Amino acid sequence: MNSARPQRSRGHDDPAGSYLCHQAFQRFSHNPYEQAAPMYLMGHPENLIPRFQARIDAGVEELTFNLMVPDPKQLDIFARDIRPHLHR
């Protein structure tokens, strides 16, 4: 297992593999972040919108998701910055 610490996020345009995602992900999985991240929807809204939309376009009608940190602001971010951009 690689014990090197990822670089801290320096701004809103950092990739989904930012320091905070790494930290939060380590609480949920024993798998390396780099292997598991492509399967999970983690990252900034502008990165997540096309990934959610691809699932909708493929016929997915319902998604269940968990927040990586217990912060209701994450639901606000989803409702404000992601959901309005998703269409059937």
Foldseek 3Di string as FASTA:
>chain_A
DDPDQDDADDDQPDFQPHRVNQVLVVVPDPDHCVVCVVVDQGGHQVVRQVVVQVCVVVPDDDDDDDDSDPDCVVVVCCVPRHVVSHDD
